[in-house]
Amino acid sequence: MDNKITMLLQADELILQALREDISSEDVTTNAVMPAPKKGEAQLICKQDGVLAGLFVFRRVFELLDDGIDVRFFFSDGDAVKKGDLIGTVAGDIRAILSGERTALNYLQRMSGIATYTNSVAKLLEGSGVKLLDTRKTTPGMRIFEKYAVKAGGGHNHRYNLSDGVLLKDNHIGAAGGVKEAVRMAKDYAPFVRKIEVECETLPMVKDAVEAGADIIMLDNMGVDEMKEAVALIGGRAQIECSGNVTKENIGHYLSLGVDYISSGALTHSAPILDVSLKGLHAVG
């Protein structure tokens, strides 16, 4: 998922579901105060410092309600914004602006919040050579938007879904009867072009994963000293990811270990929204 194209192939269906959730039959308030079409304009204002993501999703919400809507932006996804900045304007049928406002803002606030938090964490990794990854700990129905936001904030995507790669976690290993058995079965089943990653919680598991020929070894919920031992044990024979309750506050502990990747579910499940608002709606023309 390197660009907006993948998202756009799925976005309309997801956005329409969100609109249907908010408008089950009609927008009774808007229809009461605006019984006929009238052109209007509103301003999209940033209410706190952050990093933007999801501007084209914001625009698409209104376009699906009114194909004559005109949404203009003065910033792009990935741009830093300050409190008080005018991000853009929305002009068109006032009824569409009123009915789409909350859904459009929900997407933009959520995605920009993730981009903002990701950016703050990614800055802590600058110059280390370690890549910051997201996880599958995403909001149902929002994964494609949330993973895009991680990239807009300077992070990188781990696998998108269960069809995207082999990651043998504790329960897969338990079901298979052990690390070596699980890796062998994955190699027999998966196409040879697929890398095989193994989640390891102990040093014996790391040893088994290396001996079984895993491509990537995830050090999960290990202490720093145990991770150092694990990195030495792997000895460059596999790429290394560390994971498990990694946050902005503790990520610095992992930078000198010699790992290739740090993954953090917090990028998507714990990022606060970025406060933006659609203000000053008024009739024009």
Protein backbone atom coordinates (compact mmCIF):
# COMPACT_ATOMS: atom_id res chain seq x y z
CA MET A 1 0.00 0.00 0.00
CA ASP A 2 2.50 2.61 -1.18
CA ASN A 3 0.08 5.29 -2.37
CA LYS A 4 -3.50 6.50 -2.45
CA ILE A 5 -4.53 4.26 -5.36
CA THR A 6 -5.06 1.16 -3.21
CA MET A 7 -7.16 3.12 -0.78
CA LEU A 8 -9.26 4.75 -3.46
CA LEU A 9 -10.26 1.32 -4.78
CA GLN A 10 -11.94 0.60 -1.43
CA ALA A 11 -12.64 4.03 0.02
CA ASP A 12 -16.03 4.78 -1.53
CA GLU A 13 -17.67 1.65 -0.14
CA LEU A 14 -16.29 2.31 3.35
CA ILE A 15 -17.21 6.01 3.28
CA LEU A 16 -20.73 5.20 2.11
CA GLN A 17 -21.10 2.78 5.01
CA ALA A 18 -20.07 5.56 7.39
CA LEU A 19 -22.55 7.97 5.79
CA ARG A 20 -25.35 5.40 6.02
CA GLU A 21 -24.51 4.95 9.69
CA ASP A 22 -25.04 8.68 10.22
CA ILE A 23 -28.01 9.14 7.85
CA SER A 24 -30.29 6.12 8.11
CA SER A 25 -33.24 7.77 6.37
CA GLU A 26 -32.74 11.53 6.29
CA ASP A 27 -30.87 14.37 7.96
CA VAL A 28 -33.96 15.69 9.68
CA THR A 29 -32.28 18.77 11.18
CA THR A 30 -30.79 19.94 7.90
CA ASN A 31 -33.98 19.27 5.97
CA ALA A 32 -35.89 21.32 8.53
CA VAL A 33 -33.74 24.45 8.24
CA MET A 34 -32.69 24.09 4.58
CA PRO A 35 -35.63 22.71 2.56
CA ALA A 36 -34.19 23.80 -0.81
CA PRO A 37 -30.70 23.86 -2.35
CA LYS A 38 -28.58 26.89 -1.50
CA LYS A 39 -24.88 27.43 -2.13
CA GLY A 40 -22.68 28.00 0.88
CA GLU A 41 -19.08 27.93 2.02
CA ALA A 42 -17.27 26.91 5.22
CA GLN A 43 -13.67 26.97 6.40
CA LEU A 44 -11.66 23.99 7.63
CA ILE A 45 -9.64 25.23 10.60
CA CYS A 46 -6.86 23.49 12.55
CA LYS A 47 -7.33 23.82 16.30
CA GLN A 48 -4.00 22.32 17.43
CA ASP A 49 -0.53 21.61 16.07
CA GLY A 50 -0.12 18.34 14.21
CA VAL A 51 0.42 16.44 10.95
CA LEU A 52 -2.34 16.06 8.37
CA ALA A 53 -3.59 12.82 6.83
CA GLY A 54 -6.81 11.99 5.01
CA LEU A 55 -7.57 15.22 3.18
CA PHE A 56 -8.78 13.40 0.08
CA VAL A 57 -11.02 11.19 2.24
CA PHE A 58 -12.48 14.35 3.76
CA ARG A 59 -13.17 15.67 0.26
CA ARG A 60 -14.65 12.38 -0.96
CA VAL A 61 -17.30 12.38 1.78
CA PHE A 62 -18.79 15.58 0.35
CA GLU A 63 -18.38 14.49 -3.27
CA LEU A 64 -20.45 11.37 -2.58
CA LEU A 65 -23.24 13.60 -1.26
CA ASP A 66 -22.96 16.29 -3.95
CA ASP A 67 -20.85 15.85 -7.07
CA GLY A 68 -20.86 19.62 -7.51
CA ILE A 69 -19.05 20.28 -4.24
CA ASP A 70 -15.78 22.23 -4.37
CA VAL A 71 -13.24 21.36 -1.66
CA ARG A 72 -9.94 23.23 -1.78
CA PHE A 73 -6.91 22.61 0.42
CA PHE A 74 -3.92 24.79 1.24
CA PHE A 75 -1.93 21.88 2.69
CA SER A 76 -1.20 18.26 1.70
CA ASP A 77 -1.16 14.97 3.59
CA GLY A 78 2.02 14.71 5.63
CA ASP A 79 2.28 18.48 6.12
CA ALA A 80 2.74 19.94 9.58
CA VAL A 81 0.04 22.42 10.61
CA LYS A 82 -0.29 24.88 13.46
CA LYS A 83 -3.23 25.88 15.61
CA GLY A 84 -5.28 28.45 13.73
CA ASP A 85 -4.16 27.42 10.23
CA LEU A 86 -6.76 27.54 7.47
CA ILE A 87 -6.50 24.04 6.03
CA GLY A 88 -9.05 24.53 3.27
CA THR A 89 -12.56 25.51 2.24
CA VAL A 90 -15.71 23.61 1.35
CA ALA A 91 -18.19 25.21 -1.07
CA GLY A 92 -21.41 23.79 -2.49
CA ASP A 93 -24.94 22.87 -1.52
CA ILE A 94 -25.32 23.80 2.14
CA ARG A 95 -27.37 20.64 2.71
CA ALA A 96 -24.45 18.42 1.64
CA ILE A 97 -22.01 20.41 3.77
CA LEU A 98 -24.20 20.04 6.86
CA SER A 99 -24.96 16.35 6.31
CA GLY A 100 -21.37 15.36 5.56
CA GLU A 101 -19.59 17.51 8.12
CA ARG A 102 -19.35 15.03 10.99
CA THR A 103 -18.34 12.02 8.90
CA ALA A 104 -15.72 14.01 7.00
CA LEU A 105 -14.27 15.43 10.20
CA ASN A 106 -14.25 12.02 11.88
CA TYR A 107 -12.02 10.64 9.14
CA LEU A 108 -9.72 13.64 9.04
CA GLN A 109 -9.38 13.94 12.82
CA ARG A 110 -8.70 10.24 13.29
CA MET A 111 -6.23 9.92 10.44
CA SER A 112 -4.43 13.16 11.28
CA GLY A 113 -4.21 12.09 14.93
CA ILE A 114 -2.47 8.87 13.89
CA ALA A 115 -0.13 10.75 11.55
CA THR A 116 0.69 13.22 14.31
CA TYR A 117 1.44 10.56 16.91
CA THR A 118 3.40 8.44 14.42
CA ASN A 119 5.46 11.45 13.43
CA SER A 120 6.35 12.17 17.05
CA VAL A 121 7.57 8.59 17.48
CA ALA A 122 9.36 8.41 14.11
CA LYS A 123 11.39 11.49 15.01
CA LEU A 124 12.85 9.58 17.95
CA LEU A 125 14.23 6.98 15.50
CA GLU A 126 15.87 9.43 13.10
CA GLY A 127 19.44 8.47 12.30
CA SER A 128 19.15 5.05 13.97
CA GLY A 129 18.46 3.02 10.82
CA VAL A 130 15.55 1.35 12.61
CA LYS A 131 12.17 1.38 10.83
CA LEU A 132 8.98 2.09 12.74
CA LEU A 133 6.13 -0.31 11.89
CA ASP A 134 2.42 -0.39 12.62
CA THR A 135 0.41 -3.54 13.44
CA ARG A 136 -3.04 -5.01 12.74
CA LYS A 137 -4.38 -3.39 15.93
CA THR A 138 -6.65 -1.11 13.95
CA THR A 139 -10.27 0.01 14.20
CA PRO A 140 -12.56 -2.41 12.30
CA GLY A 141 -13.49 -0.87 8.97
CA MET A 142 -10.72 1.73 9.29
CA ARG A 143 -7.55 -0.25 8.61
CA ILE A 144 -6.86 1.06 5.13
CA PHE A 145 -7.26 4.64 6.36
CA GLU A 146 -5.27 4.16 9.55
CA LYS A 147 -2.35 2.42 7.88
CA TYR A 148 -2.24 5.18 5.27
CA ALA A 149 -2.08 7.70 8.11
CA VAL A 150 0.90 5.89 9.63
CA LYS A 151 2.80 6.37 6.37
CA ALA A 152 1.76 10.01 6.15
CA GLY A 153 3.28 10.46 9.59
CA GLY A 154 6.62 8.93 8.61
CA GLY A 155 6.10 5.33 9.73
CA HIS A 156 6.00 2.12 7.71
CA ASN A 157 3.35 -0.56 7.25
CA HIS A 158 3.72 -4.09 8.53
CA ARG A 159 1.54 -6.64 6.72
CA TYR A 160 -1.86 -5.28 5.79
CA ASN A 161 -3.91 -8.36 6.67
CA LEU A 162 -3.74 -12.13 7.14
CA SER A 163 -3.41 -12.70 3.40
CA ASP A 164 -0.38 -10.44 3.18
CA GLY A 165 2.33 -12.49 4.86
CA VAL A 166 3.26 -15.36 7.18
CA LEU A 167 3.58 -14.38 10.84
CA LEU A 168 3.72 -17.33 13.21
CA LYS A 169 2.46 -16.12 16.59
CA ASP A 170 2.26 -17.98 19.90
CA ASN A 171 -1.03 -19.72 19.14
CA HIS A 172 0.09 -20.78 15.64
CA ILE A 173 3.22 -22.24 17.21
CA GLY A 174 1.17 -23.98 19.88
CA ALA A 175 -1.19 -25.41 17.29
CA ALA A 176 1.71 -26.68 15.18
CA GLY A 177 3.55 -28.25 18.13
CA GLY A 178 6.58 -25.96 18.27
CA VAL A 179 8.60 -23.31 16.45
CA LYS A 180 10.48 -25.66 14.15
CA GLU A 181 7.32 -27.54 13.22
CA ALA A 182 5.45 -24.31 12.49
CA VAL A 183 8.24 -22.94 10.28
CA ARG A 184 8.51 -26.23 8.39
CA MET A 185 4.77 -26.31 7.76
CA ALA A 186 4.76 -22.65 6.65
CA LYS A 187 7.58 -23.33 4.20
CA ASP A 188 5.71 -26.31 2.79
CA TYR A 189 2.50 -24.34 2.35
CA ALA A 190 3.38 -20.74 1.53
CA PRO A 191 4.76 -19.65 -1.86
CA PHE A 192 8.55 -19.43 -1.84
CA VAL A 193 8.37 -15.67 -2.40
CA ARG A 194 6.75 -15.19 1.03
CA LYS A 195 9.02 -14.38 3.94
CA ILE A 196 8.33 -16.21 7.17
CA GLU A 197 8.32 -14.29 10.45
CA VAL A 198 8.24 -15.97 13.86
CA GLU A 199 7.14 -14.35 17.11
CA CYS A 200 9.49 -15.43 19.89
CA GLU A 201 9.02 -14.83 23.60
CA THR A 202 12.04 -16.74 24.91
CA LEU A 203 15.66 -17.38 23.92
CA PRO A 204 15.01 -21.10 23.23
CA MET A 205 12.29 -20.04 20.77
CA VAL A 206 14.74 -17.66 19.11
CA LYS A 207 17.28 -20.49 18.77
CA ASP A 208 14.67 -22.77 17.20
CA ALA A 209 13.52 -20.03 14.80
CA VAL A 210 17.07 -19.39 13.60
CA GLU A 211 17.78 -23.09 13.15
CA ALA A 212 14.50 -23.55 11.26
CA GLY A 213 15.46 -20.81 8.79
CA ALA A 214 13.00 -18.04 9.69
CA ASP A 215 13.47 -14.89 7.62
CA ILE A 216 12.37 -12.47 10.34
CA ILE A 217 12.33 -12.98 14.09
CA MET A 218 10.08 -10.87 16.28
CA LEU A 219 11.29 -10.43 19.84
CA ASP A 220 8.01 -10.09 21.68
CA ASN A 221 7.66 -8.64 25.17
CA MET A 222 11.28 -9.34 26.10
CA GLY A 223 13.33 -7.25 28.48
CA VAL A 224 16.19 -5.18 27.09
CA ASP A 225 18.90 -7.49 28.41
CA GLU A 226 17.13 -10.56 27.00
CA MET A 227 16.79 -8.80 23.65
CA LYS A 228 20.54 -8.14 23.60
CA GLU A 229 21.14 -11.86 24.09
CA ALA A 230 18.64 -12.69 21.37
CA VAL A 231 20.28 -10.31 18.87
CA ALA A 232 23.67 -11.91 19.58
CA LEU A 233 22.15 -15.39 19.19
CA ILE A 234 20.60 -14.49 15.83
CA GLY A 235 23.95 -13.15 14.66
CA GLY A 236 22.68 -11.59 11.45
CA ARG A 237 21.04 -14.78 10.20
CA ALA A 238 17.57 -13.17 10.17
CA GLN A 239 16.06 -9.73 10.26
CA ILE A 240 14.91 -8.67 13.71
CA GLU A 241 11.74 -6.94 14.83
CA CYS A 242 11.01 -6.05 18.42
CA SER A 243 7.48 -5.56 19.69
CA GLY A 244 5.33 -5.52 22.77
CA ASN A 245 3.98 -2.43 24.53
CA VAL A 246 6.30 -0.09 22.61
CA THR A 247 5.31 3.55 23.06
CA LYS A 248 6.83 6.97 22.54
CA GLU A 249 7.89 6.99 26.18
CA ASN A 250 9.97 3.79 26.10
CA ILE A 251 11.07 3.39 22.47
CA GLY A 252 14.50 4.86 23.18
CA HIS A 253 15.45 1.72 25.11
CA TYR A 254 15.39 -0.32 21.90
CA LEU A 255 17.49 1.84 19.57
CA SER A 256 20.93 0.48 20.49
CA LEU A 257 20.01 -3.20 20.38
CA GLY A 258 20.79 -3.80 16.71
CA VAL A 259 17.21 -4.56 15.60
CA ASP A 260 15.91 -3.73 12.13
CA TYR A 261 12.30 -2.89 12.99
CA ILE A 262 10.27 -1.71 15.95
CA SER A 263 6.52 -2.30 15.73
CA SER A 264 3.98 -0.49 17.86
CA GLY A 265 0.26 -1.07 18.08
CA ALA A 266 0.01 2.26 19.89
CA LEU A 267 0.40 4.10 16.57
CA THR A 268 -3.16 3.17 15.67
CA HIS A 269 -4.90 2.06 18.86
CA SER A 270 -3.75 4.83 21.18
CA ALA A 271 -3.28 7.94 19.04
CA PRO A 272 -5.55 10.83 20.07
CA ILE A 273 -7.41 12.71 17.35
CA LEU A 274 -6.13 15.96 15.88
CA ASP A 275 -8.71 18.64 16.59
CA VAL A 276 -9.95 20.26 13.38
CA SER A 277 -13.24 22.02 12.79
CA LEU A 278 -15.48 23.17 9.96
CA LYS A 279 -16.50 26.72 10.82
CA GLY A 280 -18.20 29.80 9.49
CA LEU A 281 -20.74 28.19 7.18
CA HIS A 282 -22.58 30.92 5.31
CA ALA A 283 -24.63 31.36 2.16
CA VAL A 284 -22.84 32.71 -0.93
CA GLY A 285 -24.00 33.89 -4.36
